[in-house]
């Protein structure tokens, strides 16, 4: 029986970890969590925010996905968008999801991310 989503993994290029740490920990406010030693040798890094885990795994043939993305729920979406802009990220608002406010952005290596908050 399926009980929960454990984590989402995004592919990243080798050598991008420091820029990604600055973005995911600094701009997004996530906490980096330790990778098991057997996996740490592969590169990449893992992050957590609440019950959400995001794993960034090195892919030698990396190309950012154009459509696929995780949807990350936030509170105070306007302030969150301004926080990302202050860190140099582009914010593209989208009005197509009824009952939510949302925008899209990209991490430093081009991975697409959705940020959303229930309207109300």
PDB file of N, CA and C in Angstrom:
ATOM      1  N   UNK A   1       0.836  -1.173   0.000  1.00  0.00           N
ATOM      2  CA  UNK A   1       0.000   0.000   0.000  1.00  0.00           C
ATOM      3  C   UNK A   1       0.886   1.243   0.000  1.00  0.00           C
ATOM      4  N   UNK A   2       0.612   2.154  -0.894  1.00  0.00           N
ATOM      5  CA  UNK A   2       1.328   3.428  -0.967  1.00  0.00           C
ATOM      6  C   UNK A   2       0.848   4.317   0.171  1.00  0.00           C
ATOM      7  N   UNK A   3       1.776   4.890   0.924  1.00  0.00           N
ATOM      8  CA  UNK A   3       1.379   5.701   2.081  1.00  0.00           C
ATOM      9  C   UNK A   3       1.799   7.161   2.006  1.00  0.00           C
ATOM     10  N   UNK A   4       2.843   7.481   1.255  1.00  0.00           N
ATOM     11  CA  UNK A   4       3.309   8.873   1.197  1.00  0.00           C
ATOM     12  C   UNK A   4       4.350   9.022   0.100  1.00  0.00           C
ATOM     13  N   UNK A   5       4.615  10.247  -0.252  1.00  0.00           N
ATOM     14  CA  UNK A   5       5.722  10.570  -1.143  1.00  0.00           C
ATOM     15  C   UNK A   5       6.921  10.860  -0.260  1.00  0.00           C
ATOM     16  N   UNK A   6       7.981  10.081  -0.394  1.00  0.00           N
ATOM     17  CA  UNK A   6       9.152  10.221   0.470  1.00  0.00           C
ATOM     18  C   UNK A   6      10.020  11.409   0.073  1.00  0.00           C
ATOM     19  N   UNK A   7      10.291  11.563  -1.216  1.00  0.00           N
ATOM     20  CA  UNK A   7      11.128  12.666  -1.682  1.00  0.00           C
ATOM     21  C   UNK A   7      10.944  12.854  -3.179  1.00  0.00           C
ATOM     22  N   UNK A   8      11.419  13.979  -3.654  1.00  0.00           N
ATOM     23  CA  UNK A   8      11.494  14.263  -5.085  1.00  0.00           C
ATOM     24  C   UNK A   8      12.963  14.471  -5.404  1.00  0.00           C
ATOM     25  N   UNK A   9      13.418  13.919  -6.526  1.00  0.00           N
ATOM     26  CA  UNK A   9      14.808  14.134  -6.937  1.00  0.00           C
ATOM     27  C   UNK A   9      14.834  14.916  -8.239  1.00  0.00           C
ATOM     28  N   UNK A  10      15.724  15.899  -8.272  1.00  0.00           N
ATOM     29  CA  UNK A  10      16.001  16.654  -9.486  1.00  0.00           C
ATOM     30  C   UNK A  10      17.426  16.373  -9.912  1.00  0.00           C
ATOM     31  N   UNK A  11      17.644  16.292 -11.206  1.00  0.00           N
ATOM     32  CA  UNK A  11      18.997  16.108 -11.733  1.00  0.00           C
ATOM     33  C   UNK A  11      19.718  17.450 -11.750  1.00  0.00           C
ATOM     34  N   UNK A  12      21.032  17.392 -11.518  1.00  0.00           N
ATOM     35  CA  UNK A  12      21.878  18.591 -11.544  1.00  0.00           C
ATOM     36  C   UNK A  12      23.212  18.229 -12.177  1.00  0.00           C
ATOM     37  N   UNK A  13      23.932  19.214 -12.720  1.00  0.00           N
ATOM     38  CA  UNK A  13      25.252  18.914 -13.281  1.00  0.00           C
ATOM     39  C   UNK A  13      26.315  18.796 -12.192  1.00  0.00           C
ATOM     40  N   UNK A  14      27.340  18.026 -12.462  1.00  0.00           N
ATOM     41  CA  UNK A  14      28.465  17.890 -11.529  1.00  0.00           C
ATOM     42  C   UNK A  14      29.088  19.259 -11.278  1.00  0.00           C
ATOM     43  N   UNK A  15      29.488  19.493 -10.040  1.00  0.00           N
ATOM     44  CA  UNK A  15      30.166  20.727  -9.679  1.00  0.00           C
ATOM     45  C   UNK A  15      29.257  21.899  -9.366  1.00  0.00           C
ATOM     46  N   UNK A  16      27.946  21.693  -9.378  1.00  0.00           N
ATOM     47  CA  UNK A  16      27.008  22.798  -9.138  1.00  0.00           C
ATOM     48  C   UNK A  16      26.535  22.882  -7.686  1.00  0.00           C
ATOM     49  N   UNK A  17      27.055  22.017  -6.827  1.00  0.00           N
ATOM     50  CA  UNK A  17      26.518  21.911  -5.470  1.00  0.00           C
ATOM     51  C   UNK A  17      26.563  23.219  -4.677  1.00  0.00           C
ATOM     52  N   UNK A  18      27.651  23.978  -4.755  1.00  0.00           N
ATOM     53  CA  UNK A  18      27.737  25.200  -3.945  1.00  0.00           C
ATOM     54  C   UNK A  18      26.689  26.226  -4.367  1.00  0.00           C
ATOM     55  N   UNK A  19      26.496  26.408  -5.661  1.00  0.00           N
ATOM     56  CA  UNK A  19      25.460  27.333  -6.136  1.00  0.00           C
ATOM     57  C   UNK A  19      24.074  26.848  -5.720  1.00  0.00           C
ATOM     58  N   UNK A  20      23.874  25.539  -5.748  1.00  0.00           N
ATOM     59  CA  UNK A  20      22.580  24.981  -5.364  1.00  0.00           C
ATOM     60  C   UNK A  20      22.352  25.093  -3.863  1.00  0.00           C
ATOM     61  N   UNK A  21      23.392  24.926  -3.071  1.00  0.00           N
ATOM     62  CA  UNK A  21      23.261  25.133  -1.620  1.00  0.00           C
ATOM     63  C   UNK A  21      22.864  26.584  -1.325  1.00  0.00           C
ATOM     64  N   UNK A  22      23.500  27.519  -2.002  1.00  0.00           N
ATOM     65  CA  UNK A  22      23.172  28.934  -1.799  1.00  0.00           C
ATOM     66  C   UNK A  22      21.710  29.204  -2.156  1.00  0.00           C
ATOM     67  N   UNK A  23      21.216  28.555  -3.191  1.00  0.00           N
ATOM     68  CA  UNK A  23      19.835  28.768  -3.625  1.00  0.00           C
ATOM     69  C   UNK A  23      18.833  28.056  -2.709  1.00  0.00           C
ATOM     70  N   UNK A  24      18.997  26.747  -2.544  1.00  0.00           N
ATOM     71  CA  UNK A  24      17.993  25.984  -1.800  1.00  0.00           C
ATOM     72  C   UNK A  24      18.011  26.300  -0.304  1.00  0.00           C
ATOM     73  N   UNK A  25      19.184  26.489   0.279  1.00  0.00           N
ATOM     74  CA  UNK A  25      19.253  26.852   1.697  1.00  0.00           C
ATOM     75  C   UNK A  25      19.089  28.363   1.874  1.00  0.00           C
ATOM     76  N   UNK A  26      19.820  29.145   1.082  1.00  0.00           N
ATOM     77  CA  UNK A  26      19.792  30.591   1.244  1.00  0.00           C
ATOM     78  C   UNK A  26      18.509  31.235   0.756  1.00  0.00           C
ATOM     79  N   UNK A  27      18.189  31.058  -0.514  1.00  0.00           N
ATOM     80  CA  UNK A  27      17.015  31.712  -1.091  1.00  0.00           C
ATOM     81  C   UNK A  27      15.708  31.058  -0.649  1.00  0.00           C
ATOM     82  N   UNK A  28      15.651  29.726  -0.672  1.00  0.00           N
ATOM     83  CA  UNK A  28      14.403  29.039  -0.329  1.00  0.00           C
ATOM     84  C   UNK A  28      14.248  28.786   1.164  1.00  0.00           C
ATOM     85  N   UNK A  29      15.338  28.819   1.916  1.00  0.00           N
ATOM     86  CA  UNK A  29      15.250  28.594   3.355  1.00  0.00           C
ATOM     87  C   UNK A  29      15.139  27.135   3.753  1.00  0.00           C
ATOM     88  N   UNK A  30      15.509  26.221   2.860  1.00  0.00           N
ATOM     89  CA  UNK A  30      15.484  24.798   3.196  1.00  0.00           C
ATOM     90  C   UNK A  30      16.716  24.454   4.028  1.00  0.00           C
ATOM     91  N   UNK A  31      16.657  23.335   4.713  1.00  0.00           N
ATOM     92  CA  UNK A  31      17.771  22.857   5.525  1.00  0.00           C
ATOM     93  C   UNK A  31      18.459  21.714   4.801  1.00  0.00           C
ATOM     94  N   UNK A  32      19.775  21.810   4.653  1.00  0.00           N
ATOM     95  CA  UNK A  32      20.497  20.694   4.040  1.00  0.00           C
ATOM     96  C   UNK A  32      20.549  19.537   5.020  1.00  0.00           C
ATOM     97  N   UNK A  33      20.306  18.332   4.523  1.00  0.00           N
ATOM     98  CA  UNK A  33      20.396  17.127   5.347  1.00  0.00           C
ATOM     99  C   UNK A  33      21.509  16.243   4.794  1.00  0.00           C
ATOM    100  N   UNK A  34      22.125  15.488   5.675  1.00  0.00           N
ATOM    101  CA  UNK A  34      23.262  14.648   5.287  1.00  0.00           C
ATOM    102  C   UNK A  34      22.805  13.501   4.390  1.00  0.00           C
ATOM    103  N   UNK A  35      23.583  13.258   3.355  1.00  0.00           N
ATOM    104  CA  UNK A  35      23.370  12.077   2.525  1.00  0.00           C
ATOM    105  C   UNK A  35      24.116  10.917   3.168  1.00  0.00           C
ATOM    106  N   UNK A  36      23.609   9.705   3.040  1.00  0.00           N
ATOM    107  CA  UNK A  36      24.373   8.556   3.522  1.00  0.00           C
ATOM    108  C   UNK A  36      25.741   8.526   2.833  1.00  0.00           C
ATOM    109  N   UNK A  37      26.802   8.143   3.547  1.00  0.00           N
ATOM    110  CA  UNK A  37      28.149   8.144   2.954  1.00  0.00           C
ATOM    111  C   UNK A  37      28.234   7.395   1.627  1.00  0.00           C
ATOM    112  N   UNK A  38      27.505   6.299   1.500  1.00  0.00           N
ATOM    113  CA  UNK A  38      27.566   5.523   0.259  1.00  0.00           C
ATOM    114  C   UNK A  38      26.990   6.294  -0.928  1.00  0.00           C
ATOM    115  N   UNK A  39      26.114   7.260  -0.665  1.00  0.00           N
ATOM    116  CA  UNK A  39      25.538   8.076  -1.731  1.00  0.00           C
ATOM    117  C   UNK A  39      26.243   9.419  -1.873  1.00  0.00           C
ATOM    118  N   UNK A  40      26.837   9.909  -0.795  1.00  0.00           N
ATOM    119  CA  UNK A  40      27.513  11.211  -0.826  1.00  0.00           C
ATOM    120  C   UNK A  40      28.668  11.233  -1.820  1.00  0.00           C
ATOM    121  N   UNK A  41      29.305  10.084  -2.025  1.00  0.00           N
ATOM    122  CA  UNK A  41      30.436  10.035  -2.962  1.00  0.00           C
ATOM    123  C   UNK A  41      30.006  10.319  -4.406  1.00  0.00           C
ATOM    124  N   UNK A  42      28.723  10.238  -4.682  1.00  0.00           N
ATOM    125  CA  UNK A  42      28.203  10.498  -6.026  1.00  0.00           C
ATOM    126  C   UNK A  42      28.005  11.988  -6.299  1.00  0.00           C
ATOM    127  N   UNK A  43      28.147  12.819  -5.267  1.00  0.00           N
ATOM    128  CA  UNK A  43      27.884  14.247  -5.412  1.00  0.00           C
ATOM    129  C   UNK A  43      26.419  14.557  -5.174  1.00  0.00           C
ATOM    130  N   UNK A  44      26.058  15.804  -5.423  1.00  0.00           N
ATOM    131  CA  UNK A  44      24.691  16.238  -5.175  1.00  0.00           C
ATOM    132  C   UNK A  44      24.491  16.619  -3.721  1.00  0.00           C
ATOM    133  N   UNK A  45      23.276  16.966  -3.366  1.00  0.00           N
ATOM    134  CA  UNK A  45      22.943  17.340  -1.993  1.00  0.00           C
ATOM    135  C   UNK A  45      21.444  17.173  -1.773  1.00  0.00           C
ATOM    136  N   UNK A  46      21.080  17.023  -0.505  1.00  0.00           N
ATOM    137  CA  UNK A  46      19.686  16.811  -0.121  1.00  0.00           C
ATOM    138  C   UNK A  46      19.237  17.941   0.791  1.00  0.00           C
ATOM    139  N   UNK A  47      17.941  18.288   0.690  1.00  0.00           N
ATOM    140  CA  UNK A  47      17.364  19.363   1.497  1.00  0.00           C
ATOM    141  C   UNK A  47      16.010  18.945   2.048  1.00  0.00           C
ATOM    142  N   UNK A  48      15.618  19.632   3.120  1.00  0.00           N
ATOM    143  CA  UNK A  48      14.319  19.384   3.755  1.00  0.00           C
ATOM    144  C   UNK A  48      13.682  20.722   4.120  1.00  0.00           C
ATOM    145  N   UNK A  49      12.353  20.758   4.008  1.00  0.00           N
ATOM    146  CA  UNK A  49      11.529  21.841   4.541  1.00  0.00           C
ATOM    147  C   UNK A  49      10.266  21.183   5.067  1.00  0.00           C
ATOM    148  N   UNK A  50      10.081  21.190   6.376  1.00  0.00           N
ATOM    149  CA  UNK A  50       8.946  20.477   6.961  1.00  0.00           C
ATOM    150  C   UNK A  50       9.052  19.000   6.647  1.00  0.00           C
ATOM    151  N   UNK A  51       7.996  18.430   6.075  1.00  0.00           N
ATOM    152  CA  UNK A  51       7.984  17.011   5.707  1.00  0.00           C
ATOM    153  C   UNK A  51       8.467  16.763   4.281  1.00  0.00           C
ATOM    154  N   UNK A  52       8.878  17.808   3.584  1.00  0.00           N
ATOM    155  CA  UNK A  52       9.282  17.700   2.182  1.00  0.00           C
ATOM    156  C   UNK A  52      10.787  17.505   2.084  1.00  0.00           C
ATOM    157  N   UNK A  53      11.206  16.479   1.347  1.00  0.00           N
ATOM    158  CA  UNK A  53      12.625  16.292   1.035  1.00  0.00           C
ATOM    159  C   UNK A  53      12.825  16.467  -0.461  1.00  0.00           C
ATOM    160  N   UNK A  54      13.874  17.201  -0.801  1.00  0.00           N
ATOM    161  CA  UNK A  54      14.253  17.410  -2.183  1.00  0.00           C
ATOM    162  C   UNK A  54      15.686  16.941  -2.341  1.00  0.00           C
ATOM    163  N   UNK A  55      15.909  15.957  -3.201  1.00  0.00           N
ATOM    164  CA  UNK A  55      17.241  15.408  -3.444  1.00  0.00           C
ATOM    165  C   UNK A  55      17.740  15.932  -4.781  1.00  0.00           C
ATOM    166  N   UNK A  56      18.959  16.432  -4.789  1.00  0.00           N
ATOM    167  CA  UNK A  56      19.597  16.899  -6.013  1.00  0.00           C
ATOM    168  C   UNK A  56      20.696  15.915  -6.352  1.00  0.00           C
ATOM    169  N   UNK A  57      20.522  15.191  -7.444  1.00  0.00           N
ATOM    170  CA  UNK A  57      21.454  14.138  -7.824  1.00  0.00           C
ATOM    171  C   UNK A  57      22.215  14.479  -9.093  1.00  0.00           C
ATOM    172  N   UNK A  58      23.518  14.235  -9.074  1.00  0.00           N
ATOM    173  CA  UNK A  58      24.373  14.541 -10.220  1.00  0.00           C
ATOM    174  C   UNK A  58      24.048  13.610 -11.386  1.00  0.00           C
ATOM    175  N   UNK A  59      23.842  14.215 -12.546  1.00  0.00           N
ATOM    176  CA  UNK A  59      23.584  13.487 -13.785  1.00  0.00           C
ATOM    177  C   UNK A  59      24.623  13.953 -14.803  1.00  0.00           C
ATOM    178  N   UNK A  60      25.538  13.056 -15.228  1.00  0.00           N
ATOM    179  CA  UNK A  60      26.589  13.465 -16.173  1.00  0.00           C
ATOM    180  C   UNK A  60      26.040  14.045 -17.475  1.00  0.00           C
ATOM    181  N   UNK A  61      24.877  13.614 -17.895  1.00  0.00           N
ATOM    182  CA  UNK A  61      24.265  14.128 -19.124  1.00  0.00           C
ATOM    183  C   UNK A  61      23.182  15.155 -18.843  1.00  0.00           C
ATOM    184  N   UNK A  62      23.333  15.912 -17.776  1.00  0.00           N
ATOM    185  CA  UNK A  62      22.286  16.825 -17.310  1.00  0.00           C
ATOM    186  C   UNK A  62      21.791  17.790 -18.382  1.00  0.00           C
ATOM    187  N   UNK A  63      20.472  17.865 -18.453  1.00  0.00           N
ATOM    188  CA  UNK A  63      19.755  18.916 -19.170  1.00  0.00           C
ATOM    189  C   UNK A  63      18.516  19.206 -18.338  1.00  0.00           C
ATOM    190  N   UNK A  64      18.246  20.469 -18.008  1.00  0.00           N
ATOM    191  CA  UNK A  64      17.073  20.750 -17.172  1.00  0.00           C
ATOM    192  C   UNK A  64      15.783  20.374 -17.895  1.00  0.00           C
ATOM    193  N   UNK A  65      14.853  19.812 -17.145  1.00  0.00           N
ATOM    194  CA  UNK A  65      13.549  19.479 -17.716  1.00  0.00           C
ATOM    195  C   UNK A  65      12.806  20.772 -18.029  1.00  0.00           C
ATOM    196  N   UNK A  66      12.140  20.812 -19.159  1.00  0.00           N
ATOM    197  CA  UNK A  66      11.423  22.028 -19.551  1.00  0.00           C
ATOM    198  C   UNK A  66      10.034  22.096 -18.929  1.00  0.00           C
ATOM    199  N   UNK A  67       9.403  20.963 -18.689  1.00  0.00           N
ATOM    200  CA  UNK A  67       8.021  20.941 -18.196  1.00  0.00           C
ATOM    201  C   UNK A  67       7.915  20.344 -16.791  1.00  0.00           C
ATOM    202  N   UNK A  68       8.603  19.232 -16.554  1.00  0.00           N
ATOM    203  CA  UNK A  68       8.505  18.552 -15.255  1.00  0.00           C
ATOM    204  C   UNK A  68       9.019  19.463 -14.148  1.00  0.00           C
ATOM    205  N   UNK A  69       8.374  19.386 -12.976  1.00  0.00           N
ATOM    206  CA  UNK A  69       8.774  20.237 -11.858  1.00  0.00           C
ATOM    207  C   UNK A  69       8.088  19.778 -10.579  1.00  0.00           C
ATOM    208  N   UNK A  70       8.699  20.048  -9.427  1.00  0.00           N
ATOM    209  CA  UNK A  70       7.981  19.860  -8.170  1.00  0.00           C
ATOM    210  C   UNK A  70       7.146  21.104  -7.885  1.00  0.00           C
ATOM    211  N   UNK A  71       6.013  20.917  -7.238  1.00  0.00           N
ATOM    212  CA  UNK A  71       5.182  22.024  -6.768  1.00  0.00           C
ATOM    213  C   UNK A  71       5.413  22.170  -5.274  1.00  0.00           C
ATOM    214  N   UNK A  72       5.907  23.317  -4.856  1.00  0.00           N
ATOM    215  CA  UNK A  72       6.273  23.550  -3.460  1.00  0.00           C
ATOM    216  C   UNK A  72       5.289  24.533  -2.835  1.00  0.00           C
ATOM    217  N   UNK A  73       4.582  24.085  -1.804  1.00  0.00           N
ATOM    218  CA  UNK A  73       3.597  24.928  -1.141  1.00  0.00           C
ATOM    219  C   UNK A  73       4.297  25.877  -0.182  1.00  0.00           C
ATOM    220  N   UNK A  74       3.893  27.141  -0.228  1.00  0.00           N
ATOM    221  CA  UNK A  74       4.484  28.170   0.622  1.00  0.00           C
ATOM    222  C   UNK A  74       3.378  28.944   1.333  1.00  0.00           C
ATOM    223  N   UNK A  75       3.752  29.706   2.339  1.00  0.00           N
ATOM    224  CA  UNK A  75       2.863  30.687   2.945  1.00  0.00           C
ATOM    225  C   UNK A  75       3.464  32.058   2.673  1.00  0.00           C
ATOM    226  N   UNK A  76       2.602  33.057   2.536  1.00  0.00           N
ATOM    227  CA  UNK A  76       3.095  34.394   2.230  1.00  0.00           C
ATOM    228  C   UNK A  76       3.749  34.454   0.868  1.00  0.00           C
ATOM    229  N   UNK A  77       3.010  34.054  -0.153  1.00  0.00           N
ATOM    230  CA  UNK A  77       3.601  33.866  -1.485  1.00  0.00           C
ATOM    231  C   UNK A  77       4.182  35.151  -2.070  1.00  0.00           C
ATOM    232  N   UNK A  78       3.564  36.293  -1.810  1.00  0.00           N
ATOM    233  CA  UNK A  78       4.109  37.562  -2.332  1.00  0.00           C
ATOM    234  C   UNK A  78       5.498  37.817  -1.763  1.00  0.00           C
ATOM    235  N   UNK A  79       5.637  37.678  -0.444  1.00  0.00           N
ATOM    236  CA  UNK A  79       6.939  37.891   0.199  1.00  0.00           C
ATOM    237  C   UNK A  79       7.945  36.846  -0.268  1.00  0.00           C
ATOM    238  N   UNK A  80       7.467  35.619  -0.482  1.00  0.00           N
ATOM    239  CA  UNK A  80       8.363  34.562  -0.947  1.00  0.00           C
ATOM    240  C   UNK A  80       8.887  34.886  -2.346  1.00  0.00           C
ATOM    241  N   UNK A  81       8.014  35.386  -3.208  1.00  0.00           N
ATOM    242  CA  UNK A  81       8.433  35.777  -4.559  1.00  0.00           C
ATOM    243  C   UNK A  81       9.465  36.906  -4.493  1.00  0.00           C
ATOM    244  N   UNK A  82       9.245  37.868  -3.614  1.00  0.00           N
ATOM    245  CA  UNK A  82      10.208  38.969  -3.466  1.00  0.00           C
ATOM    246  C   UNK A  82      11.547  38.458  -2.946  1.00  0.00           C
ATOM    247  N   UNK A  83      11.493  37.486  -2.053  1.00  0.00           N
ATOM    248  CA  UNK A  83      12.732  36.888  -1.535  1.00  0.00           C
ATOM    249  C   UNK A  83      13.544  36.257  -2.670  1.00  0.00           C
ATOM    250  N   UNK A  84      12.859  35.535  -3.549  1.00  0.00           N
ATOM    251  CA  UNK A  84      13.559  34.918  -4.680  1.00  0.00           C
ATOM    252  C   UNK A  84      14.127  35.974  -5.622  1.00  0.00           C
ATOM    253  N   UNK A  85      13.336  37.009  -5.892  1.00  0.00           N
ATOM    254  CA  UNK A  85      13.841  38.095  -6.748  1.00  0.00           C
ATOM    255  C   UNK A  85      15.087  38.736  -6.138  1.00  0.00           C
ATOM    256  N   UNK A  86      15.079  38.917  -4.821  1.00  0.00           N
ATOM    257  CA  UNK A  86      16.235  39.517  -4.139  1.00  0.00           C
ATOM    258  C   UNK A  86      17.485  38.654  -4.280  1.00  0.00           C
ATOM    259  N   UNK A  87      17.288  37.346  -4.501  1.00  0.00           N
ATOM    260  CA  UNK A  87      18.413  36.427  -4.726  1.00  0.00           C
ATOM    261  C   UNK A  87      18.716  36.263  -6.217  1.00  0.00           C
ATOM    262  N   UNK A  88      18.102  37.097  -7.050  1.00  0.00           N
ATOM    263  CA  UNK A  88      18.409  37.086  -8.476  1.00  0.00           C
ATOM    264  C   UNK A  88      17.597  36.129  -9.322  1.00  0.00           C
ATOM    265  N   UNK A  89      16.565  35.512  -8.750  1.00  0.00           N
ATOM    266  CA  UNK A  89      15.759  34.548  -9.503  1.00  0.00           C
ATOM    267  C   UNK A  89      14.608  35.251 -10.220  1.00  0.00           C
ATOM    268  N   UNK A  90      14.283  34.772 -11.398  1.00  0.00           N
ATOM    269  CA  UNK A  90      13.120  35.265 -12.128  1.00  0.00           C
ATOM    270  C   UNK A  90      11.865  34.628 -11.546  1.00  0.00           C
ATOM    271  N   UNK A  91      10.795  35.391 -11.459  1.00  0.00           N
ATOM    272  CA  UNK A  91       9.505  34.923 -10.963  1.00  0.00           C
ATOM    273  C   UNK A  91       8.475  35.170 -12.057  1.00  0.00           C
ATOM    274  N   UNK A  92       7.765  34.111 -12.460  1.00  0.00           N
ATOM    275  CA  UNK A  92       6.747  34.217 -13.503  1.00  0.00           C
ATOM    276  C   UNK A  92       5.411  33.777 -12.901  1.00  0.00           C
ATOM    277  N   UNK A  93       4.522  34.746 -12.692  1.00  0.00           N
ATOM    278  CA  UNK A  93       3.212  34.450 -12.109  1.00  0.00           C
ATOM    279  C   UNK A  93       2.320  33.747 -13.121  1.00  0.00           C
ATOM    280  N   UNK A  94       1.439  32.885 -12.618  1.00  0.00           N
ATOM    281  CA  UNK A  94       0.516  32.122 -13.452  1.00  0.00           C
ATOM    282  C   UNK A  94      -0.842  32.110 -12.757  1.00  0.00           C
ATOM    283  N   UNK A  95      -1.904  32.374 -13.490  1.00  0.00           N
ATOM    284  CA  UNK A  95      -3.257  32.463 -12.920  1.00  0.00           C
ATOM    285  C   UNK A  95      -4.131  31.271 -13.307  1.00  0.00           C
ATOM    286  N   UNK A  96      -3.557  30.201 -13.838  1.00  0.00           N
ATOM    287  CA  UNK A  96      -4.347  29.115 -14.423  1.00  0.00           C
ATOM    288  C   UNK A  96      -4.808  28.033 -13.453  1.00  0.00           C
ATOM    289  N   UNK A  97      -4.471  28.119 -12.168  1.00  0.00           N
ATOM    290  CA  UNK A  97      -4.869  27.082 -11.219  1.00  0.00           C
ATOM    291  C   UNK A  97      -5.909  27.654 -10.261  1.00  0.00           C
ATOM    292  N   UNK A  98      -7.196  27.348 -10.475  1.00  0.00           N
ATOM    293  CA  UNK A  98      -8.240  27.897  -9.611  1.00  0.00           C
ATOM    294  C   UNK A  98      -7.992  27.552  -8.140  1.00  0.00           C
ATOM    295  N   UNK A  99      -8.264  28.530  -7.290  1.00  0.00           N
ATOM    296  CA  UNK A  99      -8.138  28.310  -5.853  1.00  0.00           C
ATOM    297  C   UNK A  99      -6.733  28.467  -5.314  1.00  0.00           C
ATOM    298  N   UNK A 100      -5.788  28.857  -6.153  1.00  0.00           N
ATOM    299  CA  UNK A 100      -4.393  29.008  -5.726  1.00  0.00           C
ATOM    300  C   UNK A 100      -3.771  30.251  -6.355  1.00  0.00           C
ATOM    301  N   UNK A 101      -2.784  30.785  -5.679  1.00  0.00           N
ATOM    302  CA  UNK A 101      -1.861  31.753  -6.273  1.00  0.00           C
ATOM    303  C   UNK A 101      -0.586  30.976  -6.504  1.00  0.00           C
ATOM    304  N   UNK A 102       0.031  31.186  -7.661  1.00  0.00           N
ATOM    305  CA  UNK A 102       1.255  30.438  -7.925  1.00  0.00           C
ATOM    306  C   UNK A 102       2.163  31.192  -8.888  1.00  0.00           C
ATOM    307  N   UNK A 103       3.437  30.815  -8.813  1.00  0.00           N
ATOM    308  CA  UNK A 103       4.414  31.313  -9.770  1.00  0.00           C
ATOM    309  C   UNK A 103       5.428  30.218 -10.045  1.00  0.00           C
ATOM    310  N   UNK A 104       6.149  30.397 -11.140  1.00  0.00           N
ATOM    311  CA  UNK A 104       7.218  29.479 -11.523  1.00  0.00           C
ATOM    312  C   UNK A 104       8.542  30.222 -11.471  1.00  0.00           C
ATOM    313  N   UNK A 105       9.594  29.476 -11.201  1.00  0.00           N
ATOM    314  CA  UNK A 105      10.943  30.017 -11.192  1.00  0.00           C
ATOM    315  C   UNK A 105      11.884  28.885 -11.586  1.00  0.00           C
ATOM    316  N   UNK A 106      13.162  29.187 -11.664  1.00  0.00           N
ATOM    317  CA  UNK A 106      14.165  28.166 -11.987  1.00  0.00           C
ATOM    318  C   UNK A 106      15.318  28.273 -11.014  1.00  0.00           C
ATOM    319  N   UNK A 107      15.886  27.119 -10.676  1.00  0.00           N
ATOM    320  CA  UNK A 107      17.059  27.126  -9.803  1.00  0.00           C
ATOM    321  C   UNK A 107      18.288  27.524 -10.628  1.00  0.00           C
ATOM    322  N   UNK A 108      19.465  27.644 -10.010  1.00  0.00           N
ATOM    323  CA  UNK A 108      20.649  28.120 -10.743  1.00  0.00           C
ATOM    324  C   UNK A 108      21.075  27.262 -11.933  1.00  0.00           C
ATOM    325  N   UNK A 109      20.631  26.002 -11.996  1.00  0.00           N
ATOM    326  CA  UNK A 109      21.011  25.151 -13.134  1.00  0.00           C
ATOM    327  C   UNK A 109      19.860  24.966 -14.122  1.00  0.00           C
ATOM    328  N   UNK A 110      18.754  25.678 -13.903  1.00  0.00           N
ATOM    329  CA  UNK A 110      17.652  25.670 -14.856  1.00  0.00           C
ATOM    330  C   UNK A 110      16.488  24.765 -14.539  1.00  0.00           C
ATOM    331  N   UNK A 111      16.496  24.069 -13.404  1.00  0.00           N
ATOM    332  CA  UNK A 111      15.358  23.229 -13.044  1.00  0.00           C
ATOM    333  C   UNK A 111      14.145  24.107 -12.749  1.00  0.00           C
ATOM    334  N   UNK A 112      13.008  23.736 -13.313  1.00  0.00           N
ATOM    335  CA  UNK A 112      11.760  24.474 -13.132  1.00  0.00           C
ATOM    336  C   UNK A 112      11.150  24.119 -11.782  1.00  0.00           C
ATOM    337  N   UNK A 113      10.676  25.142 -11.065  1.00  0.00           N
ATOM    338  CA  UNK A 113      10.038  24.961  -9.768  1.00  0.00           C
ATOM    339  C   UNK A 113       8.732  25.744  -9.746  1.00  0.00           C
ATOM    340  N   UNK A 114       7.702  25.148  -9.160  1.00  0.00           N
ATOM    341  CA  UNK A 114       6.425  25.828  -8.968  1.00  0.00           C
ATOM    342  C   UNK A 114       6.265  26.120  -7.482  1.00  0.00           C
ATOM    343  N   UNK A 115       5.814  27.318  -7.161  1.00  0.00           N
ATOM    344  CA  UNK A 115       5.534  27.712  -5.782  1.00  0.00           C
ATOM    345  C   UNK A 115       4.067  28.108  -5.728  1.00  0.00           C
ATOM    346  N   UNK A 116       3.321  27.537  -4.781  1.00  0.00           N
ATOM    347  CA  UNK A 116       1.899  27.815  -4.735  1.00  0.00           C
ATOM    348  C   UNK A 116       1.387  27.943  -3.314  1.00  0.00           C
ATOM    349  N   UNK A 117       0.286  28.694  -3.204  1.00  0.00           N
ATOM    350  CA  UNK A 117      -0.381  28.911  -1.925  1.00  0.00           C
ATOM    351  C   UNK A 117      -1.880  28.917  -2.192  1.00  0.00           C
ATOM    352  N   UNK A 118      -2.660  28.191  -1.380  1.00  0.00           N
ATOM    353  CA  UNK A 118      -4.110  28.252  -1.562  1.00  0.00           C
ATOM    354  C   UNK A 118      -4.603  29.695  -1.427  1.00  0.00           C
ATOM    355  N   UNK A 119      -5.517  30.095  -2.311  1.00  0.00           N
ATOM    356  CA  UNK A 119      -6.088  31.441  -2.241  1.00  0.00           C
ATOM    357  C   UNK A 119      -7.028  31.507  -1.042  1.00  0.00           C
ATOM    358  N   UNK A 120      -7.153  32.680  -0.509  1.00  0.00           N
ATOM    359  CA  UNK A 120      -8.107  32.775   0.586  1.00  0.00           C
ATOM    360  C   UNK A 120      -7.868  33.830   1.521  1.00  0.00           C
TER     361      UNK A 120
END
